[in-house]
Amino acid sequence: MKKRVSLDMPIGKLTRVDDFLPSPKELMASEKKVKVTLYLKKSNVETLKNTAKQSHTKYQRIIRELVGRYVEHYSHVSG
């Protein structure tokens, strides 16, 4: 007969680690956003929407991330 292992108890030696995560308030704090109107190619928007649907997110969030990374990259290059 095999010895049963209790899954309710920790397995192995435990080590306490410092709490390094930011507080929920810090996580929610983000830069202020500004609304802009932007005309894009329909095919590009459809591609972004399909990508967003597969990733279970919003296509506007993908656009914000793309623009943000582009600006961040080129602000370091020229600065």
PDB file of N, CA and C in Angstrom:
ATOM      1  N   MET A   1       0.835  -1.171   0.000  1.00  0.00           N
ATOM      2  CA  MET A   1       0.000   0.000   0.000  1.00  0.00           C
ATOM      3  C   MET A   1       0.889   1.248   0.000  1.00  0.00           C
ATOM      4  N   LYS A   2       0.549   2.246  -0.869  1.00  0.00           N
ATOM      5  CA  LYS A   2       1.344   3.465  -0.973  1.00  0.00           C
ATOM      6  C   LYS A   2       0.983   4.437   0.141  1.00  0.00           C
ATOM      7  N   LYS A   3       1.997   5.188   0.560  1.00  0.00           N
ATOM      8  CA  LYS A   3       1.788   6.196   1.583  1.00  0.00           C
ATOM      9  C   LYS A   3       1.107   7.407   0.939  1.00  0.00           C
ATOM     10  N   ARG A   4       0.039   7.889   1.528  1.00  0.00           N
ATOM     11  CA  ARG A   4      -0.686   9.041   0.990  1.00  0.00           C
ATOM     12  C   ARG A   4       0.006  10.337   1.415  1.00  0.00           C
ATOM     13  N   VAL A   5       0.041  11.272   0.485  1.00  0.00           N
ATOM     14  CA  VAL A   5       0.640  12.573   0.757  1.00  0.00           C
ATOM     15  C   VAL A   5      -0.485  13.576   0.969  1.00  0.00           C
ATOM     16  N   SER A   6      -0.396  14.324   2.059  1.00  0.00           N
ATOM     17  CA  SER A   6      -1.395  15.344   2.335  1.00  0.00           C
ATOM     18  C   SER A   6      -1.074  16.585   1.509  1.00  0.00           C
ATOM     19  N   LEU A   7      -2.000  17.005   0.668  1.00  0.00           N
ATOM     20  CA  LEU A   7      -1.785  18.173  -0.173  1.00  0.00           C
ATOM     21  C   LEU A   7      -2.096  19.475   0.559  1.00  0.00           C
ATOM     22  N   ASP A   8      -2.633  19.361   1.780  1.00  0.00           N
ATOM     23  CA  ASP A   8      -2.945  20.555   2.559  1.00  0.00           C
ATOM     24  C   ASP A   8      -1.712  21.121   3.256  1.00  0.00           C
ATOM     25  N   MET A   9      -0.684  20.335   3.358  1.00  0.00           N
ATOM     26  CA  MET A   9       0.527  20.757   4.067  1.00  0.00           C
ATOM     27  C   MET A   9       1.594  21.166   3.061  1.00  0.00           C
ATOM     28  N   PRO A  10       2.448  22.141   3.426  1.00  0.00           N
ATOM     29  CA  PRO A  10       3.539  22.534   2.529  1.00  0.00           C
ATOM     30  C   PRO A  10       4.518  21.392   2.318  1.00  0.00           C
ATOM     31  N   ILE A  11       5.081  21.342   1.127  1.00  0.00           N
ATOM     32  CA  ILE A  11       6.054  20.308   0.797  1.00  0.00           C
ATOM     33  C   ILE A  11       7.427  20.955   0.764  1.00  0.00           C
ATOM     34  N   GLY A  12       8.366  20.441   1.509  1.00  0.00           N
ATOM     35  CA  GLY A  12       9.729  20.963   1.510  1.00  0.00           C
ATOM     36  C   GLY A  12       9.919  22.093   2.504  1.00  0.00           C
ATOM     37  N   LYS A  13      11.155  22.628   2.518  1.00  0.00           N
ATOM     38  CA  LYS A  13      11.519  23.698   3.436  1.00  0.00           C
ATOM     39  C   LYS A  13      10.954  25.025   2.928  1.00  0.00           C
ATOM     40  N   LEU A  14      10.353  25.807   3.818  1.00  0.00           N
ATOM     41  CA  LEU A  14       9.776  27.094   3.448  1.00  0.00           C
ATOM     42  C   LEU A  14      10.732  28.219   3.805  1.00  0.00           C
ATOM     43  N   THR A  15      10.755  29.250   2.964  1.00  0.00           N
ATOM     44  CA  THR A  15      11.586  30.419   3.214  1.00  0.00           C
ATOM     45  C   THR A  15      10.720  31.658   3.068  1.00  0.00           C
ATOM     46  N   ARG A  16      10.732  32.503   4.083  1.00  0.00           N
ATOM     47  CA  ARG A  16       9.957  33.741   4.027  1.00  0.00           C
ATOM     48  C   ARG A  16      10.707  34.747   3.159  1.00  0.00           C
ATOM     49  N   VAL A  17       9.974  35.417   2.275  1.00  0.00           N
ATOM     50  CA  VAL A  17      10.574  36.435   1.413  1.00  0.00           C
ATOM     51  C   VAL A  17       9.944  37.788   1.738  1.00  0.00           C
ATOM     52  N   ASP A  18      10.707  38.845   1.513  1.00  0.00           N
ATOM     53  CA  ASP A  18      10.199  40.191   1.749  1.00  0.00           C
ATOM     54  C   ASP A  18       9.074  40.502   0.772  1.00  0.00           C
ATOM     55  N   ASP A  19       8.152  41.343   1.222  1.00  0.00           N
ATOM     56  CA  ASP A  19       7.051  41.772   0.368  1.00  0.00           C
ATOM     57  C   ASP A  19       7.582  42.841  -0.575  1.00  0.00           C
ATOM     58  N   PHE A  20       7.771  42.494  -1.838  1.00  0.00           N
ATOM     59  CA  PHE A  20       8.354  43.403  -2.813  1.00  0.00           C
ATOM     60  C   PHE A  20       7.313  44.003  -3.754  1.00  0.00           C
ATOM     61  N   LEU A  21       6.080  43.572  -3.642  1.00  0.00           N
ATOM     62  CA  LEU A  21       5.036  44.052  -4.545  1.00  0.00           C
ATOM     63  C   LEU A  21       4.557  45.438  -4.127  1.00  0.00           C
ATOM     64  N   PRO A  22       4.246  46.297  -5.095  1.00  0.00           N
ATOM     65  CA  PRO A  22       3.707  47.611  -4.751  1.00  0.00           C
ATOM     66  C   PRO A  22       2.293  47.477  -4.197  1.00  0.00           C
ATOM     67  N   SER A  23       1.869  48.496  -3.473  1.00  0.00           N
ATOM     68  CA  SER A  23       0.519  48.466  -2.910  1.00  0.00           C
ATOM     69  C   SER A  23      -0.505  48.561  -4.042  1.00  0.00           C
ATOM     70  N   PRO A  24      -1.735  48.128  -3.793  1.00  0.00           N
ATOM     71  CA  PRO A  24      -2.765  48.231  -4.830  1.00  0.00           C
ATOM     72  C   PRO A  24      -2.957  49.664  -5.325  1.00  0.00           C
ATOM     73  N   LYS A  25      -2.831  50.643  -4.436  1.00  0.00           N
ATOM     74  CA  LYS A  25      -2.970  52.041  -4.834  1.00  0.00           C
ATOM     75  C   LYS A  25      -1.874  52.433  -5.823  1.00  0.00           C
ATOM     76  N   GLU A  26      -0.652  51.948  -5.583  1.00  0.00           N
ATOM     77  CA  GLU A  26       0.456  52.241  -6.495  1.00  0.00           C
ATOM     78  C   GLU A  26       0.257  51.551  -7.842  1.00  0.00           C
ATOM     79  N   LEU A  27      -0.325  50.365  -7.824  1.00  0.00           N
ATOM     80  CA  LEU A  27      -0.583  49.655  -9.073  1.00  0.00           C
ATOM     81  C   LEU A  27      -1.630  50.380  -9.911  1.00  0.00           C
ATOM     82  N   MET A  28      -2.605  50.960  -9.267  1.00  0.00           N
ATOM     83  CA  MET A  28      -3.678  51.637  -9.979  1.00  0.00           C
ATOM     84  C   MET A  28      -3.247  53.008 -10.486  1.00  0.00           C
ATOM     85  N   ALA A  29      -2.263  53.611  -9.837  1.00  0.00           N
ATOM     86  CA  ALA A  29      -1.808  54.935 -10.263  1.00  0.00           C
ATOM     87  C   ALA A  29      -1.070  54.815 -11.590  1.00  0.00           C
ATOM     88  N   SER A  30      -1.531  55.562 -12.558  1.00  0.00           N
ATOM     89  CA  SER A  30      -0.859  55.571 -13.847  1.00  0.00           C
ATOM     90  C   SER A  30      -0.857  57.000 -14.367  1.00  0.00           C
ATOM     91  N   GLU A  31      -0.094  57.211 -15.406  1.00  0.00           N
ATOM     92  CA  GLU A  31      -0.050  58.545 -15.986  1.00  0.00           C
ATOM     93  C   GLU A  31      -1.423  58.925 -16.507  1.00  0.00           C
ATOM     94  N   LYS A  32      -1.686  60.225 -16.478  1.00  0.00           N
ATOM     95  CA  LYS A  32      -2.955  60.691 -17.028  1.00  0.00           C
ATOM     96  C   LYS A  32      -2.965  60.441 -18.526  1.00  0.00           C
ATOM     97  N   LYS A  33      -4.129  60.132 -19.025  1.00  0.00           N
ATOM     98  CA  LYS A  33      -4.283  59.858 -20.448  1.00  0.00           C
ATOM     99  C   LYS A  33      -4.998  61.025 -21.111  1.00  0.00           C
ATOM    100  N   VAL A  34      -4.684  61.249 -22.371  1.00  0.00           N
ATOM    101  CA  VAL A  34      -5.303  62.298 -23.163  1.00  0.00           C
ATOM    102  C   VAL A  34      -6.010  61.642 -24.337  1.00  0.00           C
ATOM    103  N   LYS A  35      -7.246  62.040 -24.561  1.00  0.00           N
ATOM    104  CA  LYS A  35      -8.011  61.468 -25.664  1.00  0.00           C
ATOM    105  C   LYS A  35      -7.586  62.133 -26.971  1.00  0.00           C
ATOM    106  N   VAL A  36      -7.322  61.311 -27.986  1.00  0.00           N
ATOM    107  CA  VAL A  36      -6.961  61.817 -29.311  1.00  0.00           C
ATOM    108  C   VAL A  36      -7.830  61.125 -30.356  1.00  0.00           C
ATOM    109  N   THR A  37      -8.031  61.797 -31.463  1.00  0.00           N
ATOM    110  CA  THR A  37      -8.729  61.203 -32.599  1.00  0.00           C
ATOM    111  C   THR A  37      -7.680  60.846 -33.630  1.00  0.00           C
ATOM    112  N   LEU A  38      -7.758  59.638 -34.134  1.00  0.00           N
ATOM    113  CA  LEU A  38      -6.716  59.125 -35.005  1.00  0.00           C
ATOM    114  C   LEU A  38      -7.361  58.332 -36.133  1.00  0.00           C
ATOM    115  N   TYR A  39      -6.944  58.597 -37.353  1.00  0.00           N
ATOM    116  CA  TYR A  39      -7.429  57.830 -38.499  1.00  0.00           C
ATOM    117  C   TYR A  39      -6.379  56.792 -38.869  1.00  0.00           C
ATOM    118  N   LEU A  40      -6.791  55.526 -38.896  1.00  0.00           N
ATOM    119  CA  LEU A  40      -5.907  54.416 -39.238  1.00  0.00           C
ATOM    120  C   LEU A  40      -6.499  53.651 -40.410  1.00  0.00           C
ATOM    121  N   LYS A  41      -5.659  52.880 -41.075  1.00  0.00           N
ATOM    122  CA  LYS A  41      -6.151  52.015 -42.148  1.00  0.00           C
ATOM    123  C   LYS A  41      -7.101  50.981 -41.554  1.00  0.00           C
ATOM    124  N   LYS A  42      -8.185  50.743 -42.254  1.00  0.00           N
ATOM    125  CA  LYS A  42      -9.190  49.787 -41.775  1.00  0.00           C
ATOM    126  C   LYS A  42      -8.573  48.406 -41.569  1.00  0.00           C
ATOM    127  N   SER A  43      -7.699  48.000 -42.491  1.00  0.00           N
ATOM    128  CA  SER A  43      -7.077  46.674 -42.375  1.00  0.00           C
ATOM    129  C   SER A  43      -6.203  46.583 -41.120  1.00  0.00           C
ATOM    130  N   ASN A  44      -5.539  47.689 -40.758  1.00  0.00           N
ATOM    131  CA  ASN A  44      -4.712  47.685 -39.549  1.00  0.00           C
ATOM    132  C   ASN A  44      -5.573  47.537 -38.297  1.00  0.00           C
ATOM    133  N   VAL A  45      -6.690  48.254 -38.275  1.00  0.00           N
ATOM    134  CA  VAL A  45      -7.584  48.178 -37.118  1.00  0.00           C
ATOM    135  C   VAL A  45      -8.183  46.780 -37.005  1.00  0.00           C
ATOM    136  N   GLU A  46      -8.562  46.185 -38.125  1.00  0.00           N
ATOM    137  CA  GLU A  46      -9.108  44.825 -38.098  1.00  0.00           C
ATOM    138  C   GLU A  46      -8.072  43.838 -37.573  1.00  0.00           C
ATOM    139  N   THR A  47      -6.824  44.006 -38.003  1.00  0.00           N
ATOM    140  CA  THR A  47      -5.752  43.138 -37.511  1.00  0.00           C
ATOM    141  C   THR A  47      -5.575  43.307 -36.007  1.00  0.00           C
ATOM    142  N   LEU A  48      -5.577  44.557 -35.541  1.00  0.00           N
ATOM    143  CA  LEU A  48      -5.439  44.816 -34.104  1.00  0.00           C
ATOM    144  C   LEU A  48      -6.612  44.239 -33.316  1.00  0.00           C
ATOM    145  N   LYS A  49      -7.810  44.362 -33.857  1.00  0.00           N
ATOM    146  CA  LYS A  49      -8.983  43.809 -33.177  1.00  0.00           C
ATOM    147  C   LYS A  49      -8.900  42.289 -33.081  1.00  0.00           C
ATOM    148  N   ASN A  50      -8.455  41.630 -34.150  1.00  0.00           N
ATOM    149  CA  ASN A  50      -8.303  40.174 -34.115  1.00  0.00           C
ATOM    150  C   ASN A  50      -7.236  39.761 -33.109  1.00  0.00           C
ATOM    151  N   THR A  51      -6.130  40.488 -33.098  1.00  0.00           N
ATOM    152  CA  THR A  51      -5.064  40.197 -32.137  1.00  0.00           C
ATOM    153  C   THR A  51      -5.568  40.391 -30.714  1.00  0.00           C
ATOM    154  N   ALA A  52      -6.301  41.465 -30.489  1.00  0.00           N
ATOM    155  CA  ALA A  52      -6.838  41.750 -29.158  1.00  0.00           C
ATOM    156  C   ALA A  52      -7.823  40.668 -28.721  1.00  0.00           C
ATOM    157  N   LYS A  53      -8.647  40.224 -29.640  1.00  0.00           N
ATOM    158  CA  LYS A  53      -9.626  39.181 -29.314  1.00  0.00           C
ATOM    159  C   LYS A  53      -8.922  37.891 -28.894  1.00  0.00           C
ATOM    160  N   GLN A  54      -7.861  37.527 -29.603  1.00  0.00           N
ATOM    161  CA  GLN A  54      -7.103  36.320 -29.266  1.00  0.00           C
ATOM    162  C   GLN A  54      -6.404  36.466 -27.917  1.00  0.00           C
ATOM    163  N   SER A  55      -6.011  37.698 -27.582  1.00  0.00           N
ATOM    164  CA  SER A  55      -5.291  37.954 -26.334  1.00  0.00           C
ATOM    165  C   SER A  55      -6.225  38.328 -25.189  1.00  0.00           C
ATOM    166  N   HIS A  56      -7.531  38.342 -25.444  1.00  0.00           N
ATOM    167  CA  HIS A  56      -8.535  38.699 -24.435  1.00  0.00           C
ATOM    168  C   HIS A  56      -8.259  40.081 -23.846  1.00  0.00           C
ATOM    169  N   THR A  57      -8.025  41.043 -24.715  1.00  0.00           N
ATOM    170  CA  THR A  57      -7.803  42.419 -24.292  1.00  0.00           C
ATOM    171  C   THR A  57      -8.489  43.349 -25.282  1.00  0.00           C
ATOM    172  N   LYS A  58      -8.329  44.645 -25.099  1.00  0.00           N
ATOM    173  CA  LYS A  58      -8.951  45.620 -25.984  1.00  0.00           C
ATOM    174  C   LYS A  58      -7.932  46.129 -26.990  1.00  0.00           C
ATOM    175  N   TYR A  59      -8.403  46.390 -28.208  1.00  0.00           N
ATOM    176  CA  TYR A  59      -7.468  46.824 -29.244  1.00  0.00           C
ATOM    177  C   TYR A  59      -6.915  48.221 -28.949  1.00  0.00           C
ATOM    178  N   GLN A  60      -7.686  49.055 -28.252  1.00  0.00           N
ATOM    179  CA  GLN A  60      -7.188  50.381 -27.897  1.00  0.00           C
ATOM    180  C   GLN A  60      -5.976  50.274 -26.976  1.00  0.00           C
ATOM    181  N   ARG A  61      -5.992  49.295 -26.103  1.00  0.00           N
ATOM    182  CA  ARG A  61      -4.865  49.081 -25.191  1.00  0.00           C
ATOM    183  C   ARG A  61      -3.614  48.692 -25.977  1.00  0.00           C
ATOM    184  N   ILE A  62      -3.794  47.887 -27.019  1.00  0.00           N
ATOM    185  CA  ILE A  62      -2.659  47.499 -27.862  1.00  0.00           C
ATOM    186  C   ILE A  62      -2.097  48.726 -28.577  1.00  0.00           C
ATOM    187  N   ILE A  63      -2.980  49.589 -29.090  1.00  0.00           N
ATOM    188  CA  ILE A  63      -2.527  50.808 -29.763  1.00  0.00           C
ATOM    189  C   ILE A  63      -1.758  51.693 -28.788  1.00  0.00           C
ATOM    190  N   ARG A  64      -2.291  51.873 -27.571  1.00  0.00           N
ATOM    191  CA  ARG A  64      -1.587  52.686 -26.561  1.00  0.00           C
ATOM    192  C   ARG A  64      -0.209  52.127 -26.277  1.00  0.00           C
ATOM    193  N   GLU A  65      -0.126  50.802 -26.149  1.00  0.00           N
ATOM    194  CA  GLU A  65       1.160  50.158 -25.859  1.00  0.00           C
ATOM    195  C   GLU A  65       2.134  50.347 -27.019  1.00  0.00           C
ATOM    196  N   LEU A  66       1.650  50.189 -28.245  1.00  0.00           N
ATOM    197  CA  LEU A  66       2.509  50.381 -29.422  1.00  0.00           C
ATOM    198  C   LEU A  66       3.055  51.803 -29.490  1.00  0.00           C
ATOM    199  N   VAL A  67       2.169  52.778 -29.332  1.00  0.00           N
ATOM    200  CA  VAL A  67       2.599  54.178 -29.390  1.00  0.00           C
ATOM    201  C   VAL A  67       3.555  54.483 -28.243  1.00  0.00           C
ATOM    202  N   GLY A  68       3.237  53.993 -27.055  1.00  0.00           N
ATOM    203  CA  GLY A  68       4.095  54.225 -25.901  1.00  0.00           C
ATOM    204  C   GLY A  68       5.491  53.655 -26.084  1.00  0.00           C
ATOM    205  N   ARG A  69       5.579  52.433 -26.580  1.00  0.00           N
ATOM    206  CA  ARG A  69       6.896  51.820 -26.802  1.00  0.00           C
ATOM    207  C   ARG A  69       7.671  52.539 -27.896  1.00  0.00           C
ATOM    208  N   TYR A  70       6.971  52.967 -28.942  1.00  0.00           N
ATOM    209  CA  TYR A  70       7.616  53.698 -30.037  1.00  0.00           C
ATOM    210  C   TYR A  70       8.223  54.998 -29.506  1.00  0.00           C
ATOM    211  N   VAL A  71       7.423  55.760 -28.771  1.00  0.00           N
ATOM    212  CA  VAL A  71       7.894  57.035 -28.229  1.00  0.00           C
ATOM    213  C   VAL A  71       9.041  56.812 -27.254  1.00  0.00           C
ATOM    214  N   GLU A  72       8.911  55.817 -26.389  1.00  0.00           N
ATOM    215  CA  GLU A  72       9.969  55.527 -25.417  1.00  0.00           C
ATOM    216  C   GLU A  72      11.269  55.158 -26.127  1.00  0.00           C
ATOM    217  N   HIS A  73      11.183  54.336 -27.152  1.00  0.00           N
ATOM    218  CA  HIS A  73      12.372  53.907 -27.883  1.00  0.00           C
ATOM    219  C   HIS A  73      13.061  55.095 -28.542  1.00  0.00           C
ATOM    220  N   TYR A  74      12.298  55.905 -29.261  1.00  0.00           N
ATOM    221  CA  TYR A  74      12.903  56.994 -30.008  1.00  0.00           C
ATOM    222  C   TYR A  74      13.252  58.197 -29.140  1.00  0.00           C
ATOM    223  N   SER A  75      12.675  58.309 -27.962  1.00  0.00           N
ATOM    224  CA  SER A  75      13.091  59.392 -27.067  1.00  0.00           C
ATOM    225  C   SER A  75      14.459  59.076 -26.469  1.00  0.00           C
ATOM    226  N   HIS A  76      14.787  57.781 -26.298  1.00  0.00           N
ATOM    227  CA  HIS A  76      16.112  57.386 -25.802  1.00  0.00           C
ATOM    228  C   HIS A  76      17.158  57.498 -26.900  1.00  0.00           C
ATOM    229  N   VAL A  77      16.780  57.218 -28.128  1.00  0.00           N
ATOM    230  CA  VAL A  77      17.717  57.256 -29.251  1.00  0.00           C
ATOM    231  C   VAL A  77      18.137  58.692 -29.543  1.00  0.00           C
ATOM    232  N   SER A  78      17.169  59.600 -29.583  1.00  0.00           N
ATOM    233  CA  SER A  78      17.487  60.986 -29.940  1.00  0.00           C
ATOM    234  C   SER A  78      17.966  61.796 -28.744  1.00  0.00           C
ATOM    235  N   GLY A  79      17.673  61.320 -27.528  1.00  0.00           N
ATOM    236  CA  GLY A  79      18.018  62.084 -26.328  1.00  0.00           C
ATOM    237  C   GLY A  79      19.339  61.717 -25.848  1.00  0.00           C
TER     238      GLY A  79
END
